[in-house]
Amino acid sequence: MKVDHALPLEYSTHQNQLNILGFWIFLGAEIMLFATLFASYFTLVDRVGSGPSGAEIFEITPVLIETIVLLTSSFTIGLGVHAIRLGYKKAVMAFFGITLLLGLVFLGVEIYEFIHYVHIRAGIQTSAFTAILLTTLGTHGAHVTFGLFWGLFILLQVKKRGLTPETANKSFIFSLYWHFLDVVWIFIFSFVYLKGMM
């Protein structure tokens, strides 16, 4: 395996570059998934039947907490990638660990939100609106849950093997995934919650 030391560690081998390209292609498929969910949401948002509308069930406080926590986690993972490029293993582990903790907080608030919706009878069978709302939020939440397990696995690899071209590549690809989840959340925050509260 030929390592090009002129490039950042995550790009330093031909295989690493192919891995990153392949992941960008995968993210293209993920964009299509969420685009389909958003298109469905915009189609069904007014189909509330006898159930509540977004303006009746959305609460700004948990949504703001989720947004602040997730955007902060995007910043900390960016610091983690910067630490990879500087070769600071402990800093990488610390920033990735903080990112995962923030992801856990986000998930906790989202679970609270789901319980609240079910409690006020805004479940998946209440109306077309609540069905697509919970499906969209749940799909994003499932991606965050997967990300927490994936990030933990990478953290263990970095701890065991250190910063190698392989672990740096995996960590960088994970950071792309995490940033993608943040971008999706900004769309959810803007076009589902804020628009729904108006």
N, C-alpha and C. Protein backbone atom coordinates (compact mmCIF):
# COMPACT_ATOMS: atom_id res chain seq x y z
N MET A 1 0.84 -1.19 0.00
CA MET A 1 0.00 0.00 0.00
C MET A 1 0.88 1.25 0.00
N LYS A 2 0.80 2.02 -1.09
CA LYS A 2 1.61 3.23 -1.23
C LYS A 2 0.93 4.39 -0.53
N VAL A 3 1.66 5.02 0.40
CA VAL A 3 1.11 6.14 1.17
C VAL A 3 1.73 7.44 0.66
N ASP A 4 0.89 8.39 0.28
CA ASP A 4 1.36 9.71 -0.17
C ASP A 4 1.31 10.66 1.03
N HIS A 5 2.49 10.98 1.57
CA HIS A 5 2.56 11.80 2.78
C HIS A 5 2.27 13.28 2.52
N ALA A 6 2.15 13.66 1.25
CA ALA A 6 1.82 15.04 0.91
C ALA A 6 0.33 15.32 1.10
N LEU A 7 -0.46 14.25 1.16
CA LEU A 7 -1.91 14.39 1.31
C LEU A 7 -2.33 14.18 2.77
N PRO A 8 -3.51 14.71 3.17
CA PRO A 8 -4.01 14.39 4.51
C PRO A 8 -4.13 12.87 4.68
N LEU A 9 -3.98 12.39 5.90
CA LEU A 9 -3.93 10.95 6.18
C LEU A 9 -5.12 10.19 5.61
N GLU A 10 -6.33 10.81 5.69
CA GLU A 10 -7.52 10.11 5.21
C GLU A 10 -7.55 9.94 3.69
N TYR A 11 -6.77 10.75 2.96
CA TYR A 11 -6.69 10.67 1.49
C TYR A 11 -5.38 10.05 1.01
N SER A 12 -4.54 9.58 1.93
CA SER A 12 -3.15 9.28 1.61
C SER A 12 -2.89 8.03 0.77
N THR A 13 -3.91 7.19 0.56
CA THR A 13 -3.73 6.03 -0.33
C THR A 13 -4.81 6.07 -1.41
N HIS A 14 -4.53 5.37 -2.51
CA HIS A 14 -5.50 5.31 -3.61
C HIS A 14 -6.80 4.67 -3.13
N GLN A 15 -6.70 3.63 -2.30
CA GLN A 15 -7.89 2.96 -1.77
C GLN A 15 -8.72 3.92 -0.91
N ASN A 16 -8.03 4.73 -0.10
CA ASN A 16 -8.73 5.70 0.73
C ASN A 16 -9.52 6.69 -0.13
N GLN A 17 -8.91 7.14 -1.22
CA GLN A 17 -9.58 8.09 -2.12
C GLN A 17 -10.81 7.44 -2.75
N LEU A 18 -10.69 6.18 -3.14
CA LEU A 18 -11.84 5.45 -3.71
C LEU A 18 -12.94 5.26 -2.67
N ASN A 19 -12.55 4.97 -1.42
CA ASN A 19 -13.53 4.81 -0.34
C ASN A 19 -14.35 6.09 -0.14
N ILE A 20 -13.66 7.24 -0.16
CA ILE A 20 -14.34 8.52 0.04
C ILE A 20 -15.27 8.81 -1.14
N LEU A 21 -14.80 8.56 -2.36
CA LEU A 21 -15.64 8.75 -3.54
C LEU A 21 -16.88 7.86 -3.47
N GLY A 22 -16.67 6.60 -3.11
CA GLY A 22 -17.78 5.65 -2.97
C GLY A 22 -18.78 6.11 -1.94
N PHE A 23 -18.28 6.72 -0.86
CA PHE A 23 -19.20 7.17 0.19
C PHE A 23 -20.01 8.38 -0.27
N TRP A 24 -19.38 9.26 -1.06
CA TRP A 24 -20.14 10.38 -1.62
C TRP A 24 -21.27 9.87 -2.51
N ILE A 25 -21.02 8.81 -3.27
CA ILE A 25 -22.05 8.21 -4.12
C ILE A 25 -23.18 7.65 -3.24
N PHE A 26 -22.80 6.99 -2.14
CA PHE A 26 -23.79 6.47 -1.19
C PHE A 26 -24.64 7.61 -0.62
N LEU A 27 -23.99 8.74 -0.29
CA LEU A 27 -24.74 9.88 0.25
C LEU A 27 -25.73 10.42 -0.78
N GLY A 28 -25.40 10.28 -2.07
CA GLY A 28 -26.34 10.66 -3.12
C GLY A 28 -27.63 9.86 -3.01
N ALA A 29 -27.50 8.56 -2.73
CA ALA A 29 -28.68 7.70 -2.55
C ALA A 29 -29.44 8.11 -1.29
N GLU A 30 -28.73 8.48 -0.25
CA GLU A 30 -29.37 8.93 1.00
C GLU A 30 -30.14 10.24 0.77
N ILE A 31 -29.57 11.11 -0.05
CA ILE A 31 -30.24 12.37 -0.38
C ILE A 31 -31.58 12.06 -1.06
N MET A 32 -31.57 11.08 -1.96
CA MET A 32 -32.81 10.70 -2.65
C MET A 32 -33.84 10.15 -1.66
N LEU A 33 -33.38 9.37 -0.68
CA LEU A 33 -34.29 8.83 0.34
C LEU A 33 -34.98 9.97 1.08
N PHE A 34 -34.19 10.92 1.58
CA PHE A 34 -34.77 12.01 2.35
C PHE A 34 -35.57 12.97 1.47
N ALA A 35 -35.15 13.14 0.21
CA ALA A 35 -35.92 13.97 -0.72
C ALA A 35 -37.32 13.38 -0.93
N THR A 36 -37.38 12.05 -1.02
CA THR A 36 -38.67 11.36 -1.17
C THR A 36 -39.54 11.57 0.07
N LEU A 37 -38.92 11.47 1.26
CA LEU A 37 -39.66 11.69 2.51
C LEU A 37 -40.18 13.13 2.59
N PHE A 38 -39.33 14.10 2.22
CA PHE A 38 -39.77 15.50 2.25
C PHE A 38 -40.89 15.75 1.24
N ALA A 39 -40.77 15.18 0.05
CA ALA A 39 -41.83 15.35 -0.97
C ALA A 39 -43.15 14.76 -0.45
N SER A 40 -43.06 13.60 0.19
CA SER A 40 -44.26 12.97 0.76
C SER A 40 -44.84 13.84 1.88
N TYR A 41 -43.95 14.39 2.70
CA TYR A 41 -44.38 15.24 3.81
C TYR A 41 -45.14 16.46 3.29
N PHE A 42 -44.55 17.14 2.28
CA PHE A 42 -45.20 18.35 1.75
C PHE A 42 -46.54 18.02 1.09
N THR A 43 -46.67 16.79 0.58
CA THR A 43 -47.93 16.36 -0.04
C THR A 43 -49.00 16.10 1.02
N LEU A 44 -48.57 15.56 2.17
CA LEU A 44 -49.52 15.09 3.18
C LEU A 44 -49.68 16.02 4.40
N VAL A 45 -48.93 17.11 4.42
CA VAL A 45 -48.87 17.96 5.62
C VAL A 45 -50.25 18.51 6.03
N ASP A 46 -51.13 18.75 5.06
CA ASP A 46 -52.45 19.30 5.39
C ASP A 46 -53.52 18.23 5.59
N ARG A 47 -53.14 16.98 5.43
CA ARG A 47 -54.12 15.89 5.56
C ARG A 47 -54.17 15.42 7.02
N VAL A 48 -54.78 16.24 7.86
CA VAL A 48 -54.79 15.96 9.30
C VAL A 48 -56.01 15.17 9.75
N GLY A 49 -57.02 15.08 8.90
CA GLY A 49 -58.23 14.35 9.28
C GLY A 49 -58.82 14.93 10.57
N SER A 50 -59.10 14.05 11.51
CA SER A 50 -59.62 14.51 12.80
C SER A 50 -58.49 14.67 13.83
N GLY A 51 -57.24 14.49 13.36
CA GLY A 51 -56.09 14.62 14.26
C GLY A 51 -55.55 16.03 14.32
N PRO A 52 -54.53 16.25 15.15
CA PRO A 52 -53.96 17.60 15.30
C PRO A 52 -53.06 17.99 14.12
N SER A 53 -52.86 19.29 13.96
CA SER A 53 -51.93 19.80 12.95
C SER A 53 -50.58 20.04 13.61
N GLY A 54 -49.59 20.38 12.80
CA GLY A 54 -48.26 20.67 13.33
C GLY A 54 -48.28 21.81 14.32
N ALA A 55 -49.05 22.86 13.99
CA ALA A 55 -49.13 24.03 14.87
C ALA A 55 -49.65 23.66 16.26
N GLU A 56 -50.45 22.60 16.33
CA GLU A 56 -51.03 22.18 17.62
C GLU A 56 -50.08 21.29 18.43
N ILE A 57 -49.19 20.56 17.77
CA ILE A 57 -48.36 19.60 18.52
C ILE A 57 -46.89 20.00 18.66
N PHE A 58 -46.39 20.86 17.77
CA PHE A 58 -44.97 21.21 17.83
C PHE A 58 -44.67 22.12 19.01
N GLU A 59 -43.56 21.83 19.70
CA GLU A 59 -43.09 22.66 20.82
C GLU A 59 -41.69 23.13 20.47
N ILE A 60 -41.43 24.41 20.61
CA ILE A 60 -40.15 24.98 20.19
C ILE A 60 -38.97 24.54 21.06
N THR A 61 -39.20 24.36 22.38
CA THR A 61 -38.07 24.07 23.29
C THR A 61 -37.32 22.79 22.93
N PRO A 62 -37.99 21.62 22.83
CA PRO A 62 -37.23 20.41 22.48
C PRO A 62 -36.58 20.50 21.10
N VAL A 63 -37.24 21.18 20.17
CA VAL A 63 -36.70 21.31 18.82
C VAL A 63 -35.43 22.16 18.83
N LEU A 64 -35.45 23.24 19.61
CA LEU A 64 -34.25 24.09 19.72
C LEU A 64 -33.11 23.33 20.39
N ILE A 65 -33.42 22.55 21.42
CA ILE A 65 -32.39 21.75 22.09
C ILE A 65 -31.77 20.78 21.09
N GLU A 66 -32.63 20.07 20.34
CA GLU A 66 -32.14 19.12 19.34
C GLU A 66 -31.24 19.80 18.32
N THR A 67 -31.65 20.98 17.87
CA THR A 67 -30.90 21.71 16.84
C THR A 67 -29.55 22.16 17.37
N ILE A 68 -29.54 22.77 18.54
CA ILE A 68 -28.28 23.26 19.14
C ILE A 68 -27.33 22.09 19.39
N VAL A 69 -27.86 21.00 19.93
CA VAL A 69 -27.03 19.83 20.25
C VAL A 69 -26.42 19.23 18.98
N LEU A 70 -27.24 19.09 17.93
CA LEU A 70 -26.75 18.47 16.70
C LEU A 70 -25.76 19.37 15.97
N LEU A 71 -26.01 20.68 15.94
CA LEU A 71 -25.06 21.59 15.30
C LEU A 71 -23.74 21.65 16.07
N THR A 72 -23.83 21.58 17.39
CA THR A 72 -22.60 21.54 18.21
C THR A 72 -21.81 20.27 17.90
N SER A 73 -22.54 19.15 17.72
CA SER A 73 -21.85 17.87 17.42
C SER A 73 -21.16 17.93 16.06
N SER A 74 -21.72 18.71 15.15
CA SER A 74 -21.09 18.88 13.83
C SER A 74 -19.76 19.64 14.00
N PHE A 75 -19.77 20.62 14.90
CA PHE A 75 -18.55 21.39 15.18
C PHE A 75 -17.49 20.50 15.83
N THR A 76 -17.91 19.68 16.82
CA THR A 76 -16.93 18.84 17.53
C THR A 76 -16.34 17.76 16.62
N ILE A 77 -17.15 17.24 15.69
CA ILE A 77 -16.58 16.23 14.79
C ILE A 77 -15.62 16.88 13.80
N GLY A 78 -15.91 18.14 13.46
CA GLY A 78 -14.97 18.89 12.61
C GLY A 78 -13.62 19.08 13.32
N LEU A 79 -13.69 19.36 14.63
CA LEU A 79 -12.46 19.47 15.42
C LEU A 79 -11.72 18.12 15.48
N GLY A 80 -12.52 17.03 15.52
CA GLY A 80 -11.93 15.69 15.52
C GLY A 80 -11.16 15.41 14.24
N VAL A 81 -11.71 15.80 13.10
CA VAL A 81 -11.03 15.62 11.81
C VAL A 81 -9.77 16.47 11.76
N HIS A 82 -9.85 17.70 12.30
CA HIS A 82 -8.67 18.56 12.35
C HIS A 82 -7.57 17.91 13.21
N ALA A 83 -7.99 17.29 14.31
CA ALA A 83 -7.03 16.60 15.19
C ALA A 83 -6.38 15.41 14.48
N ILE A 84 -7.13 14.73 13.60
CA ILE A 84 -6.55 13.63 12.81
C ILE A 84 -5.40 14.17 11.97
N ARG A 85 -5.63 15.31 11.33
CA ARG A 85 -4.62 15.89 10.44
C ARG A 85 -3.39 16.38 11.20
N LEU A 86 -3.58 16.69 12.48
CA LEU A 86 -2.44 17.09 13.32
C LEU A 86 -1.77 15.89 13.99
N GLY A 87 -2.44 14.72 13.90
CA GLY A 87 -1.88 13.50 14.49
C GLY A 87 -2.10 13.37 15.99
N TYR A 88 -3.11 14.03 16.52
CA TYR A 88 -3.38 14.00 17.96
C TYR A 88 -4.45 12.95 18.27
N LYS A 89 -3.99 11.74 18.58
CA LYS A 89 -4.92 10.63 18.81
C LYS A 89 -5.89 10.90 19.97
N LYS A 90 -5.38 11.40 21.10
CA LYS A 90 -6.25 11.64 22.27
C LYS A 90 -7.31 12.69 21.95
N ALA A 91 -6.91 13.74 21.21
CA ALA A 91 -7.86 14.79 20.85
C ALA A 91 -8.94 14.23 19.92
N VAL A 92 -8.53 13.36 18.98
CA VAL A 92 -9.49 12.73 18.07
C VAL A 92 -10.52 11.96 18.88
N MET A 93 -10.03 11.15 19.82
CA MET A 93 -10.93 10.33 20.63
C MET A 93 -11.84 11.21 21.49
N ALA A 94 -11.30 12.30 22.03
CA ALA A 94 -12.10 13.20 22.88
C ALA A 94 -13.21 13.86 22.05
N PHE A 95 -12.85 14.40 20.90
CA PHE A 95 -13.85 15.11 20.08
C PHE A 95 -14.89 14.16 19.49
N PHE A 96 -14.45 12.97 19.09
CA PHE A 96 -15.41 11.98 18.58
C PHE A 96 -16.32 11.51 19.72
N GLY A 97 -15.75 11.35 20.91
CA GLY A 97 -16.53 10.94 22.08
C GLY A 97 -17.59 11.98 22.44
N ILE A 98 -17.20 13.27 22.42
CA ILE A 98 -18.15 14.36 22.70
C ILE A 98 -19.25 14.36 21.64
N THR A 99 -18.87 14.14 20.38
CA THR A 99 -19.85 14.09 19.29
C THR A 99 -20.89 13.01 19.55
N LEU A 100 -20.43 11.83 19.95
CA LEU A 100 -21.34 10.72 20.21
C LEU A 100 -22.24 11.00 21.42
N LEU A 101 -21.69 11.64 22.44
CA LEU A 101 -22.51 12.01 23.61
C LEU A 101 -23.60 13.01 23.22
N LEU A 102 -23.24 13.97 22.39
CA LEU A 102 -24.23 14.94 21.91
C LEU A 102 -25.29 14.25 21.06
N GLY A 103 -24.86 13.27 20.25
CA GLY A 103 -25.81 12.49 19.46
C GLY A 103 -26.79 11.73 20.35
N LEU A 104 -26.27 11.24 21.48
CA LEU A 104 -27.11 10.52 22.44
C LEU A 104 -28.14 11.46 23.08
N VAL A 105 -27.70 12.68 23.40
CA VAL A 105 -28.61 13.68 23.96
C VAL A 105 -29.71 13.99 22.94
N PHE A 106 -29.31 14.19 21.68
CA PHE A 106 -30.28 14.46 20.62
C PHE A 106 -31.33 13.34 20.55
N LEU A 107 -30.85 12.11 20.58
CA LEU A 107 -31.74 10.96 20.48
C LEU A 107 -32.69 10.90 21.68
N GLY A 108 -32.16 11.21 22.86
CA GLY A 108 -32.99 11.22 24.08
C GLY A 108 -34.13 12.22 23.97
N VAL A 109 -33.83 13.42 23.46
CA VAL A 109 -34.86 14.45 23.30
C VAL A 109 -35.88 14.01 22.24
N GLU A 110 -35.38 13.39 21.17
CA GLU A 110 -36.29 12.93 20.11
C GLU A 110 -37.22 11.81 20.62
N ILE A 111 -36.71 10.93 21.45
CA ILE A 111 -37.54 9.87 22.04
C ILE A 111 -38.60 10.50 22.95
N TYR A 112 -38.19 11.51 23.75
CA TYR A 112 -39.15 12.23 24.60
C TYR A 112 -40.26 12.83 23.73
N GLU A 113 -39.85 13.40 22.59
CA GLU A 113 -40.80 14.04 21.67
C GLU A 113 -41.80 13.02 21.12
N PHE A 114 -41.30 11.85 20.74
CA PHE A 114 -42.17 10.78 20.21
C PHE A 114 -43.17 10.33 21.28
N ILE A 115 -42.69 10.16 22.50
CA ILE A 115 -43.58 9.76 23.61
C ILE A 115 -44.66 10.81 23.82
N HIS A 116 -44.25 12.08 23.73
CA HIS A 116 -45.20 13.20 23.87
C HIS A 116 -46.27 13.14 22.77
N TYR A 117 -45.85 12.88 21.54
CA TYR A 117 -46.80 12.81 20.42
C TYR A 117 -47.81 11.68 20.62
N VAL A 118 -47.30 10.53 21.04
CA VAL A 118 -48.20 9.38 21.27
C VAL A 118 -49.15 9.70 22.43
N HIS A 119 -48.64 10.37 23.47
CA HIS A 119 -49.45 10.73 24.64
C HIS A 119 -50.60 11.66 24.26
N ILE A 120 -50.36 12.57 23.30
CA ILE A 120 -51.42 13.51 22.90
C ILE A 120 -52.20 12.98 21.69
N ARG A 121 -52.09 11.69 21.47
CA ARG A 121 -52.82 10.99 20.39
C ARG A 121 -52.45 11.51 19.00
N ALA A 122 -51.16 11.72 18.78
CA ALA A 122 -50.67 12.07 17.45
C ALA A 122 -49.75 10.95 16.99
N GLY A 123 -50.28 9.73 16.97
CA GLY A 123 -49.51 8.55 16.61
C GLY A 123 -49.45 8.33 15.12
N ILE A 124 -48.81 7.25 14.73
CA ILE A 124 -48.60 6.97 13.31
C ILE A 124 -49.90 6.65 12.57
N GLN A 125 -50.95 6.23 13.30
CA GLN A 125 -52.22 5.90 12.66
C GLN A 125 -53.27 7.01 12.79
N THR A 126 -52.90 8.12 13.39
CA THR A 126 -53.86 9.21 13.63
C THR A 126 -54.31 9.86 12.32
N SER A 127 -53.34 10.21 11.48
CA SER A 127 -53.66 10.86 10.21
C SER A 127 -52.49 10.68 9.24
N ALA A 128 -52.72 11.07 7.98
CA ALA A 128 -51.63 11.01 6.99
C ALA A 128 -50.48 11.93 7.42
N PHE A 129 -50.85 13.10 7.99
CA PHE A 129 -49.83 14.06 8.45
C PHE A 129 -48.95 13.45 9.54
N THR A 130 -49.57 12.90 10.59
CA THR A 130 -48.76 12.34 11.69
C THR A 130 -47.97 11.12 11.23
N ALA A 131 -48.52 10.36 10.28
CA ALA A 131 -47.81 9.19 9.77
C ALA A 131 -46.52 9.60 9.06
N ILE A 132 -46.61 10.59 8.17
CA ILE A 132 -45.41 11.00 7.42
C ILE A 132 -44.45 11.78 8.32
N LEU A 133 -45.00 12.54 9.29
CA LEU A 133 -44.15 13.26 10.24
C LEU A 133 -43.29 12.27 11.03
N LEU A 134 -43.94 11.27 11.63
CA LEU A 134 -43.21 10.30 12.45
C LEU A 134 -42.28 9.43 11.61
N THR A 135 -42.67 9.17 10.37
CA THR A 135 -41.80 8.39 9.47
C THR A 135 -40.54 9.18 9.13
N THR A 136 -40.71 10.47 8.83
CA THR A 136 -39.56 11.32 8.48
C THR A 136 -38.63 11.48 9.68
N LEU A 137 -39.21 11.84 10.83
CA LEU A 137 -38.39 12.01 12.04
C LEU A 137 -37.75 10.69 12.46
N GLY A 138 -38.52 9.61 12.34
CA GLY A 138 -38.01 8.29 12.73
C GLY A 138 -36.88 7.82 11.84
N THR A 139 -36.97 8.12 10.54
CA THR A 139 -35.89 7.73 9.61
C THR A 139 -34.61 8.47 9.96
N HIS A 140 -34.73 9.77 10.24
CA HIS A 140 -33.55 10.53 10.65
C HIS A 140 -33.01 10.01 11.98
N GLY A 141 -33.91 9.74 12.93
CA GLY A 141 -33.50 9.21 14.24
C GLY A 141 -32.81 7.86 14.12
N ALA A 142 -33.30 7.02 13.20
CA ALA A 142 -32.67 5.70 12.98
C ALA A 142 -31.26 5.88 12.42
N HIS A 143 -31.09 6.88 11.55
CA HIS A 143 -29.75 7.17 11.01
C HIS A 143 -28.80 7.65 12.12
N VAL A 144 -29.32 8.47 13.03
CA VAL A 144 -28.49 8.93 14.16
C VAL A 144 -28.12 7.74 15.04
N THR A 145 -29.07 6.85 15.31
CA THR A 145 -28.81 5.66 16.13
C THR A 145 -27.73 4.80 15.49
N PHE A 146 -27.85 4.56 14.18
CA PHE A 146 -26.83 3.81 13.46
C PHE A 146 -25.48 4.51 13.58
N GLY A 147 -25.50 5.85 13.44
CA GLY A 147 -24.27 6.64 13.54
C GLY A 147 -23.59 6.51 14.89
N LEU A 148 -24.38 6.40 15.96
CA LEU A 148 -23.81 6.26 17.30
C LEU A 148 -23.04 4.94 17.42
N PHE A 149 -23.62 3.86 16.90
CA PHE A 149 -22.93 2.57 16.95
C PHE A 149 -21.69 2.57 16.05
N TRP A 150 -21.83 3.14 14.87
CA TRP A 150 -20.71 3.22 13.93
C TRP A 150 -19.57 4.05 14.53
N GLY A 151 -19.92 5.20 15.11
CA GLY A 151 -18.90 6.07 15.71
C GLY A 151 -18.20 5.40 16.88
N LEU A 152 -18.94 4.65 17.67
CA LEU A 152 -18.34 3.92 18.79
C LEU A 152 -17.35 2.88 18.29
N PHE A 153 -17.72 2.18 17.22
CA PHE A 153 -16.85 1.18 16.61
C PHE A 153 -15.55 1.82 16.10
N ILE A 154 -15.66 2.99 15.48
CA ILE A 154 -14.48 3.71 14.99
C ILE A 154 -13.61 4.18 16.15
N LEU A 155 -14.25 4.66 17.20
CA LEU A 155 -13.53 5.11 18.40
C LEU A 155 -12.68 3.97 18.98
N LEU A 156 -13.26 2.78 19.04
CA LEU A 156 -12.53 1.61 19.54
C LEU A 156 -11.36 1.25 18.63
N GLN A 157 -11.56 1.39 17.32
CA GLN A 157 -10.47 1.09 16.37
C GLN A 157 -9.32 2.09 16.52
N VAL A 158 -9.65 3.37 16.67
CA VAL A 158 -8.60 4.40 16.84
C VAL A 158 -7.85 4.15 18.14
N LYS A 159 -8.58 3.78 19.19
CA LYS A 159 -7.94 3.49 20.48
C LYS A 159 -6.97 2.32 20.36
N LYS A 160 -7.40 1.28 19.64
CA LYS A 160 -6.60 0.06 19.53
C LYS A 160 -5.43 0.21 18.54
N ARG A 161 -5.71 0.80 17.37
CA ARG A 161 -4.71 0.83 16.28
C ARG A 161 -3.99 2.17 16.12
N GLY A 162 -4.54 3.22 16.73
CA GLY A 162 -3.94 4.54 16.56
C GLY A 162 -4.41 5.19 15.26
N LEU A 163 -3.74 6.28 14.89
CA LEU A 163 -4.09 7.00 13.67
C LEU A 163 -3.28 6.45 12.49
N THR A 164 -3.90 5.60 11.71
CA THR A 164 -3.29 5.02 10.51
C THR A 164 -4.07 5.55 9.31
N PRO A 165 -3.55 5.36 8.08
CA PRO A 165 -4.35 5.76 6.91
C PRO A 165 -5.75 5.12 6.92
N GLU A 166 -5.84 3.88 7.39
CA GLU A 166 -7.13 3.18 7.41
C GLU A 166 -8.09 3.77 8.46
N THR A 167 -7.62 3.95 9.69
CA THR A 167 -8.52 4.49 10.73
C THR A 167 -8.86 5.95 10.45
N ALA A 168 -7.92 6.71 9.88
CA ALA A 168 -8.20 8.11 9.53
C ALA A 168 -9.26 8.17 8.44
N ASN A 169 -9.17 7.27 7.47
CA ASN A 169 -10.14 7.21 6.38
C ASN A 169 -11.53 6.88 6.91
N LYS A 170 -11.61 5.88 7.77
CA LYS A 170 -12.91 5.49 8.35
C LYS A 170 -13.50 6.64 9.18
N SER A 171 -12.65 7.31 9.95
CA SER A 171 -13.10 8.42 10.79
C SER A 171 -13.61 9.58 9.94
N PHE A 172 -12.90 9.87 8.86
CA PHE A 172 -13.30 10.96 7.97
C PHE A 172 -14.63 10.66 7.29
N ILE A 173 -14.78 9.43 6.82
CA ILE A 173 -16.03 9.03 6.17
C ILE A 173 -17.19 9.12 7.18
N PHE A 174 -16.95 8.71 8.41
CA PHE A 174 -17.98 8.84 9.44
C PHE A 174 -18.34 10.31 9.65
N SER A 175 -17.34 11.20 9.61
CA SER A 175 -17.62 12.64 9.80
C SER A 175 -18.49 13.17 8.67
N LEU A 176 -18.28 12.68 7.44
CA LEU A 176 -19.13 13.09 6.31
C LEU A 176 -20.58 12.67 6.58
N TYR A 177 -20.75 11.45 7.07
CA TYR A 177 -22.09 10.92 7.40
C TYR A 177 -22.75 11.80 8.46
N TRP A 178 -21.99 12.17 9.48
CA TRP A 178 -22.54 12.94 10.59
C TRP A 178 -22.93 14.34 10.12
N HIS A 179 -22.09 14.96 9.29
CA HIS A 179 -22.43 16.27 8.74
C HIS A 179 -23.69 16.18 7.88
N PHE A 180 -23.83 15.08 7.14
CA PHE A 180 -25.02 14.88 6.32
C PHE A 180 -26.28 14.85 7.19
N LEU A 181 -26.21 14.15 8.32
CA LEU A 181 -27.36 14.09 9.24
C LEU A 181 -27.71 15.48 9.77
N ASP A 182 -26.68 16.30 9.99
CA ASP A 182 -26.93 17.67 10.45
C ASP A 182 -27.63 18.50 9.38
N VAL A 183 -27.20 18.34 8.14
CA VAL A 183 -27.83 19.08 7.03
C VAL A 183 -29.29 18.67 6.90
N VAL A 184 -29.56 17.36 6.98
CA VAL A 184 -30.94 16.87 6.90
C VAL A 184 -31.76 17.48 8.04
N TRP A 185 -31.17 17.54 9.24
CA TRP A 185 -31.90 18.10 10.38
C TRP A 185 -32.22 19.57 10.17
N ILE A 186 -31.33 20.33 9.56
CA ILE A 186 -31.59 21.75 9.29
C ILE A 186 -32.83 21.87 8.39
N PHE A 187 -32.97 20.97 7.40
CA PHE A 187 -34.16 20.96 6.55
C PHE A 187 -35.41 20.61 7.37
N ILE A 188 -35.27 19.61 8.26
CA ILE A 188 -36.40 19.23 9.11
C ILE A 188 -36.80 20.39 10.02
N PHE A 189 -35.80 21.01 10.64
CA PHE A 189 -36.04 22.14 11.54
C PHE A 189 -36.74 23.29 10.81
N SER A 190 -36.27 23.60 9.59
CA SER A 190 -36.78 24.74 8.84
C SER A 190 -38.15 24.47 8.22
N PHE A 191 -38.27 23.33 7.52
CA PHE A 191 -39.45 23.11 6.68
C PHE A 191 -40.54 22.25 7.35
N VAL A 192 -40.17 21.53 8.41
CA VAL A 192 -41.18 20.77 9.14
C VAL A 192 -41.62 21.56 10.37
N TYR A 193 -40.66 21.83 11.26
CA TYR A 193 -41.03 22.47 12.52
C TYR A 193 -41.38 23.96 12.39
N LEU A 194 -40.44 24.77 11.88
CA LEU A 194 -40.69 26.22 11.84
C LEU A 194 -41.89 26.54 10.94
N LYS A 195 -41.93 25.93 9.76
CA LYS A 195 -43.05 26.15 8.85
C LYS A 195 -44.35 25.64 9.47
N GLY A 196 -44.26 24.50 10.18
CA GLY A 196 -45.45 23.91 10.82
C GLY A 196 -45.98 24.74 11.97
N MET A 197 -45.10 25.52 12.61
CA MET A 197 -45.53 26.33 13.75
C MET A 197 -46.21 27.63 13.32
N MET A 198 -46.05 27.99 12.04
CA MET A 198 -46.61 29.26 11.56
C MET A 198 -48.12 29.14 11.35
